[in-house]
N, C-alpha and C. Protein backbone atom coordinates (compact mmCIF):
# COMPACT_ATOMS: atom_id res chain seq x y z
N MET A 1 113.36 -40.05 -31.85
CA MET A 1 113.81 -40.81 -31.34
C MET A 1 115.10 -39.93 -29.92
N PRO A 2 115.18 -40.76 -28.48
CA PRO A 2 116.02 -39.80 -27.61
C PRO A 2 116.99 -39.78 -27.95
N ASP A 3 117.76 -39.11 -27.01
CA ASP A 3 119.56 -39.91 -27.71
C ASP A 3 119.62 -39.39 -26.31
N ILE A 4 121.38 -40.15 -26.70
CA ILE A 4 122.21 -40.69 -25.33
C ILE A 4 123.70 -40.29 -25.55
N LEU A 5 124.14 -39.51 -24.36
CA LEU A 5 125.14 -38.63 -24.18
C LEU A 5 126.29 -39.37 -23.02
N ILE A 6 127.69 -39.52 -23.60
CA ILE A 6 128.83 -40.58 -23.42
C ILE A 6 129.73 -39.92 -22.23
N ARG A 7 129.42 -39.53 -21.36
CA ARG A 7 131.17 -38.74 -21.13
C ARG A 7 132.26 -39.01 -20.84
N ASN A 8 132.98 -38.58 -20.99
CA ASN A 8 134.60 -38.70 -19.83
C ASN A 8 134.43 -40.58 -20.51
N VAL A 9 134.74 -40.74 -22.19
CA VAL A 9 135.44 -41.71 -23.22
C VAL A 9 136.86 -41.84 -22.98
N SER A 10 137.45 -42.10 -23.15
CA SER A 10 139.13 -42.40 -22.82
C SER A 10 139.52 -41.86 -24.37
N ARG A 11 141.01 -41.16 -24.51
CA ARG A 11 140.24 -41.34 -25.97
C ARG A 11 141.30 -42.39 -26.84
N GLU A 12 141.78 -43.56 -25.84
CA GLU A 12 142.44 -44.65 -26.66
C GLU A 12 140.54 -45.39 -27.57
N VAL A 13 139.43 -45.54 -26.09
CA VAL A 13 138.87 -46.19 -26.22
C VAL A 13 137.85 -45.38 -27.74
N LEU A 14 137.90 -44.38 -28.06
CA LEU A 14 138.04 -42.98 -28.65
C LEU A 14 138.43 -43.90 -30.85
N SER A 15 139.06 -43.57 -30.06
CA SER A 15 139.74 -43.84 -31.98
C SER A 15 139.79 -45.50 -32.06
N THR A 16 139.57 -46.45 -30.54
CA THR A 16 139.85 -47.90 -30.88
C THR A 16 137.91 -47.75 -32.27
N LEU A 17 136.93 -47.23 -31.47
CA LEU A 17 135.50 -47.00 -31.67
C LEU A 17 135.54 -46.25 -33.69
N LYS A 18 136.30 -45.23 -33.91
CA LYS A 18 137.03 -44.52 -34.85
C LYS A 18 137.28 -45.50 -36.11
N GLN A 19 138.34 -46.50 -35.81
CA GLN A 19 139.06 -47.25 -36.29
C GLN A 19 138.02 -48.78 -36.92
N ARG A 20 137.38 -49.21 -35.66
CA ARG A 20 136.14 -50.04 -35.50
C ARG A 20 134.98 -49.61 -37.22
N ALA A 21 134.82 -48.32 -36.50
CA ALA A 21 133.15 -47.78 -37.33
C ALA A 21 134.27 -47.71 -39.13
N ALA A 22 135.11 -47.28 -38.98
CA ALA A 22 136.12 -46.96 -40.60
C ALA A 22 136.19 -48.55 -41.26
N ALA A 23 136.38 -49.64 -39.99
CA ALA A 23 136.44 -50.93 -40.56
C ALA A 23 135.03 -51.72 -41.31
N ASN A 24 134.55 -51.52 -40.46
CA ASN A 24 132.61 -51.44 -41.23
C ASN A 24 132.44 -50.29 -42.23
N GLY A 25 133.11 -49.44 -41.83
CA GLY A 25 132.57 -48.78 -43.86
C GLY A 25 131.13 -47.96 -42.92
N ARG A 26 131.17 -48.00 -41.24
CA ARG A 26 130.05 -46.50 -41.01
C ARG A 26 130.62 -45.05 -41.18
N SER A 27 129.71 -44.79 -40.01
CA SER A 27 130.18 -43.74 -39.85
C SER A 27 130.53 -43.82 -38.03
N LEU A 28 131.17 -43.24 -36.75
CA LEU A 28 130.91 -43.04 -35.80
C LEU A 28 129.59 -43.62 -35.30
N GLN A 29 128.44 -42.12 -34.98
CA GLN A 29 127.64 -43.04 -34.52
C GLN A 29 127.27 -43.66 -35.09
N MET A 30 127.00 -44.23 -36.03
CA MET A 30 126.71 -45.44 -37.24
C MET A 30 126.96 -47.09 -36.02
N GLU A 31 128.73 -46.40 -35.88
CA GLU A 31 128.82 -47.59 -35.39
C GLU A 31 128.23 -47.75 -33.68
N LEU A 32 128.16 -47.05 -32.90
CA LEU A 32 127.87 -47.41 -32.16
C LEU A 32 126.36 -47.04 -32.23
N HIS A 33 124.77 -46.89 -32.91
CA HIS A 33 124.57 -47.45 -32.97
C HIS A 33 123.96 -48.54 -33.44
N LYS A 34 124.83 -49.37 -34.38
CA LYS A 34 125.10 -50.59 -34.37
C LYS A 34 125.18 -51.46 -33.08
N ILE A 35 125.90 -50.95 -32.15
CA ILE A 35 126.80 -51.76 -31.01
C ILE A 35 125.93 -52.23 -30.05
N LEU A 36 125.66 -50.54 -29.60
CA LEU A 36 123.90 -50.43 -28.83
C LEU A 36 122.59 -51.50 -29.32
N GLU A 37 122.63 -51.53 -30.40
CA GLU A 37 121.11 -52.23 -30.69
C GLU A 37 122.31 -53.65 -30.83
N GLU A 38 122.54 -53.96 -30.78
CA GLU A 38 123.57 -55.28 -30.38
C GLU A 38 123.40 -55.69 -28.69
N ALA A 39 124.00 -54.63 -28.39
CA ALA A 39 123.75 -54.82 -26.55
C ALA A 39 123.05 -55.21 -26.64
N ALA A 40 121.92 -54.18 -26.86
CA ALA A 40 119.94 -54.82 -26.25
C ALA A 40 119.07 -56.04 -26.73
N GLY A 41 120.08 -56.59 -27.82
CA GLY A 41 119.82 -57.41 -28.56
C GLY A 41 118.42 -58.41 -27.92
N GLU A 42 117.32 -58.81 -28.96
CA GLU A 42 117.12 -60.30 -27.98
C GLU A 42 118.08 -61.10 -27.82
N LYS A 43 118.98 -61.57 -28.51
CA LYS A 43 120.25 -62.56 -27.62
C LYS A 43 120.13 -62.18 -25.99
N SER A 44 120.74 -61.21 -25.85
CA SER A 44 121.12 -61.31 -24.64
C SER A 44 119.47 -61.19 -23.19
N LEU A 45 118.20 -61.24 -24.64
CA LEU A 45 116.80 -60.77 -23.44
C LEU A 45 116.74 -62.62 -23.00
N ASP A 46 117.63 -63.77 -24.60
CA ASP A 46 117.76 -65.22 -24.09
C ASP A 46 117.66 -65.42 -23.67
N GLY A 47 119.41 -65.21 -23.36
CA GLY A 47 120.36 -65.30 -21.93
C GLY A 47 119.05 -65.49 -20.30
N ILE A 48 119.03 -64.12 -20.53
CA ILE A 48 118.46 -64.22 -19.22
C ILE A 48 117.03 -64.54 -19.23
N LYS A 49 115.37 -64.80 -20.19
CA LYS A 49 114.96 -65.91 -19.53
C LYS A 49 116.50 -67.25 -19.50
N LEU A 50 116.39 -67.99 -20.25
CA LEU A 50 117.57 -69.22 -20.48
C LEU A 50 117.75 -69.86 -18.40
N ALA A 51 118.28 -68.42 -17.98
CA ALA A 51 119.14 -68.42 -16.54
C ALA A 51 117.75 -68.23 -15.13
N ALA A 52 116.75 -67.43 -15.81
CA ALA A 52 115.77 -67.68 -14.97
C ALA A 52 115.06 -68.62 -15.21
N GLU A 53 114.59 -69.37 -15.78
CA GLU A 53 114.19 -70.45 -16.51
C GLU A 53 115.41 -71.58 -15.88
N ILE A 54 116.23 -71.67 -15.54
CA ILE A 54 117.74 -72.89 -14.39
C ILE A 54 117.32 -72.56 -13.71
N ARG A 55 117.14 -71.47 -13.33
CA ARG A 55 117.57 -71.32 -11.40
C ARG A 55 115.79 -72.16 -11.42
N LYS A 56 114.84 -71.29 -11.83
CA LYS A 56 113.16 -72.44 -11.24
C LYS A 56 113.23 -73.24 -11.50
N GLN A 57 114.40 -74.05 -12.18
CA GLN A 57 114.56 -75.45 -12.28
C GLN A 57 114.98 -76.62 -11.58
N LEU A 58 116.14 -75.34 -10.42
CA LEU A 58 116.45 -75.71 -9.53
C LEU A 58 116.07 -75.33 -8.16
N GLN A 59 115.40 -74.66 -9.20
CA GLN A 59 114.38 -74.02 -6.93
C GLN A 59 113.32 -75.08 -6.71
N ALA A 60 113.16 -75.02 -8.59
CA ALA A 60 111.52 -77.09 -7.81
C ALA A 60 112.01 -78.46 -7.28
N LYS A 61 112.77 -78.39 -7.82
CA LYS A 61 113.71 -79.75 -7.14
C LYS A 61 114.06 -79.41 -5.77
N MET A 62 114.37 -78.70 -4.77
CA MET A 62 114.30 -78.19 -3.25
C MET A 62 115.80 -78.76 -2.89
N LYS A 63 116.92 -78.88 -4.00
CA LYS A 63 117.95 -78.84 -3.89
C LYS A 63 118.98 -77.77 -3.10
N ASN A 64 119.94 -77.48 -2.01
CA ASN A 64 120.85 -76.29 -1.88
C ASN A 64 121.40 -76.81 -1.80
N TYR A 65 122.08 -75.61 -2.69
CA TYR A 65 123.32 -75.50 -3.51
C TYR A 65 124.41 -74.67 -3.02
N SER A 66 125.66 -75.08 -2.33
CA SER A 66 126.27 -73.94 -2.85
C SER A 66 126.39 -72.48 -2.97
N ASP A 67 127.18 -71.91 -2.48
CA ASP A 67 127.74 -70.09 -3.07
C ASP A 67 128.90 -70.52 -3.83
N SER A 68 128.99 -70.21 -4.62
CA SER A 68 130.80 -70.34 -5.84
C SER A 68 131.14 -69.13 -5.47
N VAL A 69 130.56 -68.27 -4.27
CA VAL A 69 131.56 -67.04 -4.16
C VAL A 69 133.17 -68.47 -2.59
N ASP A 70 132.08 -68.67 -2.36
CA ASP A 70 132.25 -69.89 -1.11
C ASP A 70 133.09 -70.77 -1.22
N LEU A 71 133.27 -70.95 -2.72
CA LEU A 71 134.36 -72.52 -2.96
C LEU A 71 135.43 -71.99 -3.72
N ILE A 72 134.97 -70.27 -4.62
CA ILE A 72 136.19 -69.94 -4.76
C ILE A 72 137.13 -69.68 -3.91
N ARG A 73 136.74 -68.64 -3.54
CA ARG A 73 137.28 -67.76 -1.79
C ARG A 73 138.19 -69.88 -1.16
N GLU A 74 137.30 -70.71 -1.13
CA GLU A 74 138.42 -72.19 -0.54
C GLU A 74 139.32 -71.71 -1.24
N ASP A 75 139.38 -72.07 -2.65
CA ASP A 75 140.17 -72.58 -3.18
C ASP A 75 141.85 -71.93 -3.56
N ARG A 76 140.86 -70.70 -3.01
CA ARG A 76 142.33 -69.65 -3.53
C ARG A 76 143.35 -69.58 -2.42
N GLU A 77 142.31 -70.32 -1.13
CA GLU A 77 142.99 -69.73 0.31
C GLU A 77 144.75 -70.90 -0.08
N ARG A 78 144.05 -72.07 -0.52
CA ARG A 78 144.50 -73.15 -0.68
C ARG A 78 146.40 -73.20 -0.99
């Protein structure tokens, strides 16, 4: 299996991760492995697939939807 190296992790983050690992009865390495597996899991992919399907449905309706960035900016300027 390939390895991953993450540089410049703050001491606070490392401490939090170690505490989380201890609370879950795992080593730091196993805790990080679990976090990465969950982050890359199928639930994330399901959300991406759902968003793509919604985009397709909206495009099929051929409606012009406003950009939310413009709406948020307009609201903040009030």
